[in-house]
Amino acid sequence: MIMFDATRLIVVPVIRDATGRILLCRMPPDRGVFPDQWALPGGGVEPGEVVRAALEREVHEELGARLVSAMPLFFKDGVFEKRFAGGMKRPIYMVFLLFDCRLADGPIRLNEEFLEYAWVSPADLPVYDLNPITVDTFQQLGVLPGPAAAEPPDQAFQQTIS
């Protein structure tokens, strides 16, 4: 049995531009669940916050952008060790809710949670040091080779998350 300190619900936008490129962000080397690796943006749902509001807030906070559409994809979960500034670590059970998203036109302005970003074509994804859950996500979406693409979300899931 795996033990953990806390449970965290995480919203994760899979953001694509008009040409099909995917937005990736690189984590700092000293913090986060996947330090110094490339990942999708996203973050935790705060107490009392609904999922859509959390997704919009995270996109604005982390990317300085405005969300114009979001469609639920699927969820992933697992226990991950999170590193905090100052070196503290702790295991957290995370449930990742993934969404297919589009942003309003405008520049990306990263906050301190990321070092850099890149718009990456699916063919170029293997060049990046992606964290394991991002690799698995892209495999399920069929943009990286691996397990079969995920089934489209069922109507009940869409109604629950929307």
N, C-alpha and C. Protein backbone atom coordinates (compact mmCIF):
# COMPACT_ATOMS: atom_id res chain seq x y z
N MET A 1 0.84 -1.18 0.00
CA MET A 1 0.00 0.00 0.00
C MET A 1 0.88 1.25 0.00
N ILE A 2 0.56 2.19 -0.88
CA ILE A 2 1.29 3.45 -0.95
C ILE A 2 0.64 4.44 -0.01
N MET A 3 1.47 5.11 0.79
CA MET A 3 0.96 6.11 1.73
C MET A 3 1.31 7.51 1.23
N PHE A 4 0.43 8.46 1.51
CA PHE A 4 0.68 9.83 1.08
C PHE A 4 0.06 10.78 2.09
N ASP A 5 0.57 12.02 2.10
CA ASP A 5 0.13 13.04 3.05
C ASP A 5 -1.15 13.73 2.66
N ALA A 6 -1.35 13.94 1.36
CA ALA A 6 -2.44 14.79 0.91
C ALA A 6 -2.96 14.33 -0.44
N THR A 7 -4.14 14.81 -0.79
CA THR A 7 -4.73 14.58 -2.11
C THR A 7 -4.91 15.93 -2.76
N ARG A 8 -4.57 16.00 -4.05
CA ARG A 8 -4.65 17.28 -4.77
C ARG A 8 -5.30 17.04 -6.12
N LEU A 9 -6.34 17.81 -6.41
CA LEU A 9 -7.00 17.79 -7.72
C LEU A 9 -6.31 18.83 -8.58
N ILE A 10 -5.81 18.40 -9.76
CA ILE A 10 -5.00 19.25 -10.64
C ILE A 10 -5.70 19.39 -11.99
N VAL A 11 -5.84 20.63 -12.48
CA VAL A 11 -6.36 20.87 -13.83
C VAL A 11 -5.18 21.06 -14.76
N VAL A 12 -5.24 20.40 -15.93
CA VAL A 12 -4.12 20.41 -16.88
C VAL A 12 -4.64 20.73 -18.28
N PRO A 13 -4.31 21.91 -18.79
CA PRO A 13 -4.71 22.22 -20.17
C PRO A 13 -3.70 21.65 -21.17
N VAL A 14 -4.20 20.93 -22.17
CA VAL A 14 -3.39 20.54 -23.31
C VAL A 14 -3.70 21.61 -24.36
N ILE A 15 -2.79 22.57 -24.48
CA ILE A 15 -3.03 23.76 -25.30
C ILE A 15 -2.38 23.58 -26.67
N ARG A 16 -3.20 23.73 -27.70
CA ARG A 16 -2.71 23.63 -29.08
C ARG A 16 -2.98 24.95 -29.80
N ASP A 17 -2.11 25.27 -30.72
CA ASP A 17 -2.34 26.46 -31.54
C ASP A 17 -3.02 26.05 -32.85
N ALA A 18 -3.24 27.00 -33.73
CA ALA A 18 -3.96 26.75 -34.99
C ALA A 18 -3.23 25.77 -35.90
N THR A 19 -1.92 25.61 -35.72
CA THR A 19 -1.15 24.69 -36.57
C THR A 19 -1.01 23.30 -35.95
N GLY A 20 -1.55 23.11 -34.73
CA GLY A 20 -1.48 21.81 -34.07
C GLY A 20 -0.31 21.65 -33.12
N ARG A 21 0.51 22.70 -32.99
CA ARG A 21 1.62 22.62 -32.02
C ARG A 21 1.05 22.65 -30.60
N ILE A 22 1.79 22.01 -29.69
CA ILE A 22 1.38 21.89 -28.28
C ILE A 22 2.30 22.75 -27.43
N LEU A 23 1.72 23.46 -26.47
CA LEU A 23 2.50 24.30 -25.57
C LEU A 23 3.10 23.45 -24.45
N LEU A 24 4.43 23.48 -24.34
CA LEU A 24 5.16 22.82 -23.25
C LEU A 24 5.85 23.87 -22.40
N CYS A 25 6.00 23.58 -21.12
CA CYS A 25 6.70 24.47 -20.20
C CYS A 25 7.74 23.67 -19.43
N ARG A 26 8.89 24.28 -19.16
CA ARG A 26 9.95 23.59 -18.42
C ARG A 26 9.95 24.04 -16.96
N MET A 27 9.96 23.05 -16.08
CA MET A 27 9.95 23.28 -14.64
C MET A 27 11.33 23.72 -14.16
N PRO A 28 11.39 24.47 -13.05
CA PRO A 28 12.69 24.81 -12.46
C PRO A 28 13.38 23.54 -11.93
N PRO A 29 14.69 23.54 -11.81
CA PRO A 29 15.41 22.34 -11.38
C PRO A 29 15.24 22.00 -9.90
N ASP A 30 14.72 22.93 -9.11
CA ASP A 30 14.71 22.72 -7.66
C ASP A 30 13.32 22.57 -7.05
N ARG A 31 12.26 22.46 -7.86
CA ARG A 31 10.94 22.33 -7.25
C ARG A 31 9.94 21.72 -8.22
N GLY A 32 8.79 21.37 -7.67
CA GLY A 32 7.73 20.75 -8.46
C GLY A 32 7.80 19.24 -8.37
N VAL A 33 6.87 18.59 -9.05
CA VAL A 33 6.82 17.13 -9.06
C VAL A 33 7.84 16.56 -10.04
N PHE A 34 8.09 17.29 -11.11
CA PHE A 34 9.02 16.83 -12.15
C PHE A 34 10.05 17.93 -12.41
N PRO A 35 11.00 18.13 -11.49
CA PRO A 35 11.96 19.22 -11.64
C PRO A 35 12.77 19.12 -12.92
N ASP A 36 12.97 20.28 -13.55
CA ASP A 36 13.82 20.45 -14.73
C ASP A 36 13.35 19.66 -15.95
N GLN A 37 12.10 19.23 -15.96
CA GLN A 37 11.58 18.52 -17.12
C GLN A 37 10.49 19.36 -17.79
N TRP A 38 10.21 19.03 -19.04
CA TRP A 38 9.16 19.69 -19.79
C TRP A 38 7.83 19.04 -19.48
N ALA A 39 6.78 19.87 -19.40
CA ALA A 39 5.47 19.37 -19.00
C ALA A 39 4.38 20.27 -19.57
N LEU A 40 3.18 19.87 -19.32
CA LEU A 40 2.03 20.71 -19.60
C LEU A 40 1.84 21.65 -18.41
N PRO A 41 1.31 22.85 -18.64
CA PRO A 41 1.03 23.73 -17.50
C PRO A 41 -0.16 23.18 -16.71
N GLY A 42 -0.48 23.83 -15.63
CA GLY A 42 -1.65 23.43 -14.84
C GLY A 42 -1.37 23.57 -13.36
N GLY A 43 -2.40 23.35 -12.58
CA GLY A 43 -2.23 23.48 -11.14
C GLY A 43 -3.47 23.07 -10.39
N GLY A 44 -3.39 23.24 -9.08
CA GLY A 44 -4.41 22.73 -8.18
C GLY A 44 -5.70 23.52 -8.15
N VAL A 45 -6.78 22.78 -7.92
CA VAL A 45 -8.09 23.38 -7.67
C VAL A 45 -8.10 23.79 -6.21
N GLU A 46 -8.41 25.05 -5.95
CA GLU A 46 -8.41 25.57 -4.58
C GLU A 46 -9.71 25.21 -3.88
N PRO A 47 -9.71 25.13 -2.54
CA PRO A 47 -10.94 24.84 -1.80
C PRO A 47 -12.06 25.81 -2.18
N GLY A 48 -13.24 25.27 -2.48
CA GLY A 48 -14.38 26.08 -2.85
C GLY A 48 -14.40 26.53 -4.29
N GLU A 49 -13.41 26.14 -5.10
CA GLU A 49 -13.31 26.57 -6.49
C GLU A 49 -13.86 25.47 -7.40
N VAL A 50 -14.60 25.86 -8.43
CA VAL A 50 -15.08 24.88 -9.41
C VAL A 50 -13.98 24.63 -10.43
N VAL A 51 -14.03 23.50 -11.10
CA VAL A 51 -12.98 23.07 -12.00
C VAL A 51 -12.73 24.07 -13.14
N ARG A 52 -13.77 24.53 -13.81
CA ARG A 52 -13.59 25.47 -14.93
C ARG A 52 -12.90 26.76 -14.46
N ALA A 53 -13.31 27.27 -13.30
CA ALA A 53 -12.68 28.49 -12.77
C ALA A 53 -11.21 28.23 -12.46
N ALA A 54 -10.89 27.06 -11.93
CA ALA A 54 -9.50 26.72 -11.63
C ALA A 54 -8.67 26.66 -12.91
N LEU A 55 -9.23 26.07 -13.95
CA LEU A 55 -8.53 25.98 -15.24
C LEU A 55 -8.26 27.38 -15.80
N GLU A 56 -9.25 28.24 -15.78
CA GLU A 56 -9.08 29.61 -16.26
C GLU A 56 -8.04 30.36 -15.42
N ARG A 57 -8.11 30.20 -14.11
CA ARG A 57 -7.16 30.88 -13.21
C ARG A 57 -5.74 30.41 -13.46
N GLU A 58 -5.53 29.11 -13.54
CA GLU A 58 -4.19 28.56 -13.75
C GLU A 58 -3.60 29.03 -15.08
N VAL A 59 -4.39 29.04 -16.14
CA VAL A 59 -3.91 29.52 -17.44
C VAL A 59 -3.50 30.99 -17.33
N HIS A 60 -4.30 31.78 -16.65
CA HIS A 60 -3.97 33.20 -16.50
C HIS A 60 -2.73 33.40 -15.62
N GLU A 61 -2.68 32.71 -14.47
CA GLU A 61 -1.54 32.87 -13.55
C GLU A 61 -0.23 32.39 -14.16
N GLU A 62 -0.23 31.21 -14.74
CA GLU A 62 1.01 30.61 -15.21
C GLU A 62 1.46 31.12 -16.57
N LEU A 63 0.50 31.45 -17.43
CA LEU A 63 0.83 31.79 -18.81
C LEU A 63 0.50 33.22 -19.18
N GLY A 64 -0.20 33.94 -18.31
CA GLY A 64 -0.63 35.30 -18.62
C GLY A 64 -1.58 35.33 -19.80
N ALA A 65 -2.34 34.27 -19.99
CA ALA A 65 -3.21 34.13 -21.16
C ALA A 65 -4.67 33.94 -20.73
N ARG A 66 -5.55 34.05 -21.72
CA ARG A 66 -6.98 33.86 -21.47
C ARG A 66 -7.45 32.62 -22.22
N LEU A 67 -8.14 31.76 -21.50
CA LEU A 67 -8.71 30.54 -22.06
C LEU A 67 -9.97 30.88 -22.84
N VAL A 68 -10.09 30.35 -24.06
CA VAL A 68 -11.31 30.59 -24.84
C VAL A 68 -12.15 29.33 -25.02
N SER A 69 -11.52 28.15 -24.88
CA SER A 69 -12.30 26.90 -24.94
C SER A 69 -11.58 25.81 -24.16
N ALA A 70 -12.38 24.90 -23.63
CA ALA A 70 -11.85 23.76 -22.89
C ALA A 70 -12.83 22.60 -22.98
N MET A 71 -12.31 21.46 -23.45
CA MET A 71 -13.12 20.24 -23.56
C MET A 71 -12.46 19.15 -22.74
N PRO A 72 -13.18 18.53 -21.81
CA PRO A 72 -12.58 17.45 -21.02
C PRO A 72 -12.07 16.32 -21.90
N LEU A 73 -10.90 15.79 -21.54
CA LEU A 73 -10.31 14.66 -22.25
C LEU A 73 -10.41 13.38 -21.43
N PHE A 74 -9.65 13.30 -20.34
CA PHE A 74 -9.60 12.13 -19.47
C PHE A 74 -8.89 12.54 -18.19
N PHE A 75 -8.77 11.60 -17.26
CA PHE A 75 -8.01 11.91 -16.04
C PHE A 75 -6.91 10.89 -15.86
N LYS A 76 -5.92 11.27 -15.07
CA LYS A 76 -4.80 10.40 -14.67
C LYS A 76 -4.62 10.61 -13.17
N ASP A 77 -4.07 9.63 -12.50
CA ASP A 77 -3.79 9.83 -11.09
C ASP A 77 -2.55 9.04 -10.68
N GLY A 78 -2.03 9.37 -9.53
CA GLY A 78 -0.87 8.68 -8.99
C GLY A 78 -0.32 9.41 -7.79
N VAL A 79 0.57 8.75 -7.09
CA VAL A 79 1.26 9.35 -5.96
C VAL A 79 2.61 9.83 -6.46
N PHE A 80 2.89 11.10 -6.24
CA PHE A 80 4.12 11.72 -6.70
C PHE A 80 4.78 12.47 -5.56
N GLU A 81 6.11 12.50 -5.59
CA GLU A 81 6.85 13.27 -4.59
C GLU A 81 7.04 14.68 -5.11
N LYS A 82 6.54 15.65 -4.37
CA LYS A 82 6.67 17.05 -4.77
C LYS A 82 7.81 17.69 -4.00
N ARG A 83 8.67 18.43 -4.74
CA ARG A 83 9.76 19.18 -4.12
C ARG A 83 9.34 20.64 -4.00
N PHE A 84 9.64 21.20 -2.85
CA PHE A 84 9.31 22.60 -2.58
C PHE A 84 10.60 23.41 -2.50
N ALA A 85 10.47 24.73 -2.72
CA ALA A 85 11.62 25.61 -2.56
C ALA A 85 12.19 25.39 -1.17
N GLY A 86 13.49 25.31 -1.04
CA GLY A 86 14.12 25.04 0.25
C GLY A 86 14.45 23.58 0.45
N GLY A 87 14.02 22.70 -0.49
CA GLY A 87 14.41 21.31 -0.42
C GLY A 87 13.43 20.35 0.22
N MET A 88 12.35 20.86 0.83
CA MET A 88 11.36 19.96 1.44
C MET A 88 10.68 19.12 0.36
N LYS A 89 10.39 17.84 0.69
CA LYS A 89 9.71 16.93 -0.22
C LYS A 89 8.57 16.25 0.54
N ARG A 90 7.49 15.92 -0.21
CA ARG A 90 6.44 15.12 0.41
C ARG A 90 5.62 14.41 -0.67
N PRO A 91 5.13 13.22 -0.35
CA PRO A 91 4.29 12.50 -1.31
C PRO A 91 2.88 13.06 -1.32
N ILE A 92 2.32 13.20 -2.53
CA ILE A 92 0.96 13.72 -2.69
C ILE A 92 0.24 12.85 -3.70
N TYR A 93 -0.98 12.46 -3.37
CA TYR A 93 -1.83 11.76 -4.34
C TYR A 93 -2.46 12.83 -5.23
N MET A 94 -2.18 12.76 -6.54
CA MET A 94 -2.66 13.77 -7.48
C MET A 94 -3.61 13.14 -8.48
N VAL A 95 -4.73 13.82 -8.70
CA VAL A 95 -5.69 13.46 -9.73
C VAL A 95 -5.63 14.57 -10.76
N PHE A 96 -5.15 14.24 -11.98
CA PHE A 96 -4.98 15.21 -13.06
C PHE A 96 -6.20 15.14 -13.98
N LEU A 97 -6.90 16.27 -14.12
CA LEU A 97 -8.02 16.38 -15.06
C LEU A 97 -7.49 17.10 -16.30
N LEU A 98 -7.45 16.40 -17.42
CA LEU A 98 -6.88 16.95 -18.65
C LEU A 98 -7.96 17.50 -19.57
N PHE A 99 -7.65 18.65 -20.18
CA PHE A 99 -8.58 19.35 -21.06
C PHE A 99 -7.89 19.74 -22.36
N ASP A 100 -8.60 19.59 -23.47
CA ASP A 100 -8.15 20.10 -24.76
C ASP A 100 -8.53 21.58 -24.78
N CYS A 101 -7.53 22.47 -24.88
CA CYS A 101 -7.78 23.91 -24.72
C CYS A 101 -7.25 24.75 -25.87
N ARG A 102 -7.87 25.89 -26.03
CA ARG A 102 -7.41 26.93 -26.94
C ARG A 102 -7.31 28.23 -26.15
N LEU A 103 -6.32 29.04 -26.52
CA LEU A 103 -6.11 30.33 -25.87
C LEU A 103 -6.52 31.47 -26.80
N ALA A 104 -6.83 32.61 -26.20
CA ALA A 104 -7.04 33.83 -26.98
C ALA A 104 -5.69 34.23 -27.58
N ASP A 105 -5.73 34.93 -28.68
CA ASP A 105 -4.50 35.42 -29.29
C ASP A 105 -3.78 36.35 -28.32
N GLY A 106 -2.48 36.28 -28.34
CA GLY A 106 -1.68 37.15 -27.48
C GLY A 106 -0.43 36.43 -27.03
N PRO A 107 0.48 37.17 -26.41
CA PRO A 107 1.75 36.57 -25.99
C PRO A 107 1.59 35.70 -24.75
N ILE A 108 2.52 34.78 -24.57
CA ILE A 108 2.63 33.97 -23.35
C ILE A 108 3.57 34.72 -22.42
N ARG A 109 3.15 34.90 -21.17
CA ARG A 109 3.99 35.54 -20.15
C ARG A 109 4.04 34.60 -18.94
N LEU A 110 5.12 33.81 -18.86
CA LEU A 110 5.26 32.82 -17.80
C LEU A 110 5.45 33.49 -16.44
N ASN A 111 4.89 32.85 -15.40
CA ASN A 111 5.20 33.28 -14.04
C ASN A 111 6.42 32.49 -13.56
N GLU A 112 6.75 32.59 -12.29
CA GLU A 112 7.96 31.98 -11.74
C GLU A 112 7.90 30.45 -11.64
N GLU A 113 6.75 29.86 -11.95
CA GLU A 113 6.63 28.40 -11.86
C GLU A 113 7.35 27.68 -13.00
N PHE A 114 7.66 28.40 -14.08
CA PHE A 114 8.33 27.79 -15.23
C PHE A 114 9.52 28.61 -15.65
N LEU A 115 10.53 27.94 -16.23
CA LEU A 115 11.72 28.62 -16.74
C LEU A 115 11.56 29.11 -18.17
N GLU A 116 10.88 28.31 -18.99
CA GLU A 116 10.72 28.65 -20.40
C GLU A 116 9.55 27.86 -20.97
N TYR A 117 9.15 28.25 -22.17
CA TYR A 117 8.08 27.52 -22.86
C TYR A 117 8.46 27.33 -24.32
N ALA A 118 7.74 26.40 -24.97
CA ALA A 118 7.96 26.15 -26.40
C ALA A 118 6.66 25.65 -27.01
N TRP A 119 6.39 26.10 -28.23
CA TRP A 119 5.31 25.53 -29.03
C TRP A 119 5.95 24.41 -29.85
N VAL A 120 5.49 23.18 -29.64
CA VAL A 120 6.18 22.01 -30.19
C VAL A 120 5.24 21.20 -31.09
N SER A 121 5.71 20.89 -32.29
CA SER A 121 4.92 20.02 -33.17
C SER A 121 4.99 18.60 -32.62
N PRO A 122 3.95 17.81 -32.82
CA PRO A 122 3.97 16.43 -32.32
C PRO A 122 5.21 15.66 -32.76
N ALA A 123 5.70 15.89 -33.98
CA ALA A 123 6.89 15.18 -34.47
C ALA A 123 8.13 15.52 -33.66
N ASP A 124 8.18 16.71 -33.05
CA ASP A 124 9.35 17.14 -32.29
C ASP A 124 9.26 16.83 -30.79
N LEU A 125 8.16 16.29 -30.32
CA LEU A 125 8.01 16.00 -28.88
C LEU A 125 9.13 15.11 -28.33
N PRO A 126 9.60 14.08 -29.07
CA PRO A 126 10.66 13.22 -28.51
C PRO A 126 11.97 13.94 -28.22
N VAL A 127 12.19 15.12 -28.78
CA VAL A 127 13.41 15.88 -28.54
C VAL A 127 13.44 16.45 -27.11
N TYR A 128 12.27 16.64 -26.52
CA TYR A 128 12.16 17.27 -25.21
C TYR A 128 12.21 16.23 -24.09
N ASP A 129 12.81 16.61 -22.96
CA ASP A 129 12.85 15.76 -21.77
C ASP A 129 11.51 15.90 -21.05
N LEU A 130 10.54 15.13 -21.53
CA LEU A 130 9.18 15.18 -20.98
C LEU A 130 9.09 14.32 -19.73
N ASN A 131 8.31 14.78 -18.76
CA ASN A 131 8.11 13.95 -17.57
C ASN A 131 7.23 12.75 -17.94
N PRO A 132 7.28 11.69 -17.14
CA PRO A 132 6.59 10.44 -17.51
C PRO A 132 5.08 10.59 -17.69
N ILE A 133 4.43 11.39 -16.87
CA ILE A 133 2.97 11.52 -17.00
C ILE A 133 2.61 12.30 -18.26
N THR A 134 3.46 13.23 -18.69
CA THR A 134 3.22 13.95 -19.93
C THR A 134 3.43 13.01 -21.13
N VAL A 135 4.45 12.17 -21.07
CA VAL A 135 4.65 11.17 -22.12
C VAL A 135 3.42 10.28 -22.23
N ASP A 136 2.94 9.77 -21.10
CA ASP A 136 1.77 8.90 -21.10
C ASP A 136 0.54 9.63 -21.65
N THR A 137 0.38 10.88 -21.28
CA THR A 137 -0.74 11.69 -21.79
C THR A 137 -0.67 11.79 -23.30
N PHE A 138 0.51 12.12 -23.84
CA PHE A 138 0.66 12.24 -25.29
C PHE A 138 0.47 10.90 -26.00
N GLN A 139 0.86 9.80 -25.35
CA GLN A 139 0.62 8.49 -25.94
C GLN A 139 -0.88 8.22 -26.00
N GLN A 140 -1.59 8.54 -24.93
CA GLN A 140 -3.04 8.34 -24.93
C GLN A 140 -3.74 9.21 -25.96
N LEU A 141 -3.21 10.39 -26.20
CA LEU A 141 -3.79 11.29 -27.21
C LEU A 141 -3.39 10.89 -28.63
N GLY A 142 -2.44 9.95 -28.75
CA GLY A 142 -2.00 9.50 -30.06
C GLY A 142 -1.00 10.41 -30.74
N VAL A 143 -0.38 11.35 -30.00
CA VAL A 143 0.62 12.24 -30.60
C VAL A 143 2.04 11.74 -30.37
N LEU A 144 2.22 10.72 -29.55
CA LEU A 144 3.50 10.02 -29.38
C LEU A 144 3.23 8.53 -29.52
N PRO A 145 4.18 7.79 -30.07
CA PRO A 145 3.97 6.35 -30.16
C PRO A 145 3.88 5.73 -28.77
N GLY A 146 3.12 4.68 -28.68
CA GLY A 146 2.97 3.99 -27.40
C GLY A 146 1.61 3.33 -27.34
N PRO A 147 1.06 3.20 -26.14
CA PRO A 147 -0.26 2.58 -26.00
C PRO A 147 -1.30 3.27 -26.88
N ALA A 148 -2.36 2.55 -27.17
CA ALA A 148 -3.42 3.07 -28.04
C ALA A 148 -3.99 4.37 -27.50
N ALA A 149 -4.47 5.19 -28.41
CA ALA A 149 -5.08 6.47 -28.02
C ALA A 149 -6.27 6.22 -27.12
N ALA A 150 -6.51 7.14 -26.21
CA ALA A 150 -7.62 7.03 -25.27
C ALA A 150 -8.94 7.15 -26.02
N GLU A 151 -9.96 6.51 -25.47
CA GLU A 151 -11.30 6.66 -26.00
C GLU A 151 -11.78 8.07 -25.71
N PRO A 152 -12.66 8.62 -26.54
CA PRO A 152 -13.21 9.94 -26.23
C PRO A 152 -13.95 9.89 -24.89
N PRO A 153 -13.95 10.99 -24.14
CA PRO A 153 -14.62 10.98 -22.85
C PRO A 153 -16.11 10.71 -23.03
N ASP A 154 -16.67 9.99 -22.08
CA ASP A 154 -18.10 9.71 -22.19
C ASP A 154 -18.91 10.93 -21.75
N GLN A 155 -20.18 10.94 -22.09
CA GLN A 155 -21.05 12.08 -21.84
C GLN A 155 -21.16 12.38 -20.35
N ALA A 156 -21.24 11.35 -19.51
CA ALA A 156 -21.36 11.57 -18.06
C ALA A 156 -20.15 12.31 -17.52
N PHE A 157 -18.95 11.94 -17.99
CA PHE A 157 -17.73 12.62 -17.53
C PHE A 157 -17.77 14.07 -17.98
N GLN A 158 -18.17 14.33 -19.22
CA GLN A 158 -18.22 15.71 -19.71
C GLN A 158 -19.19 16.55 -18.89
N GLN A 159 -20.33 15.99 -18.54
CA GLN A 159 -21.31 16.74 -17.77
C GLN A 159 -20.82 17.00 -16.36
N THR A 160 -20.09 16.05 -15.79
CA THR A 160 -19.57 16.21 -14.44
C THR A 160 -18.50 17.29 -14.37
N ILE A 161 -17.62 17.34 -15.36
CA ILE A 161 -16.49 18.26 -15.33
C ILE A 161 -16.88 19.65 -15.83
N SER A 162 -17.76 19.75 -16.79
CA SER A 162 -18.10 21.05 -17.40
C SER A 162 -18.64 22.05 -16.40
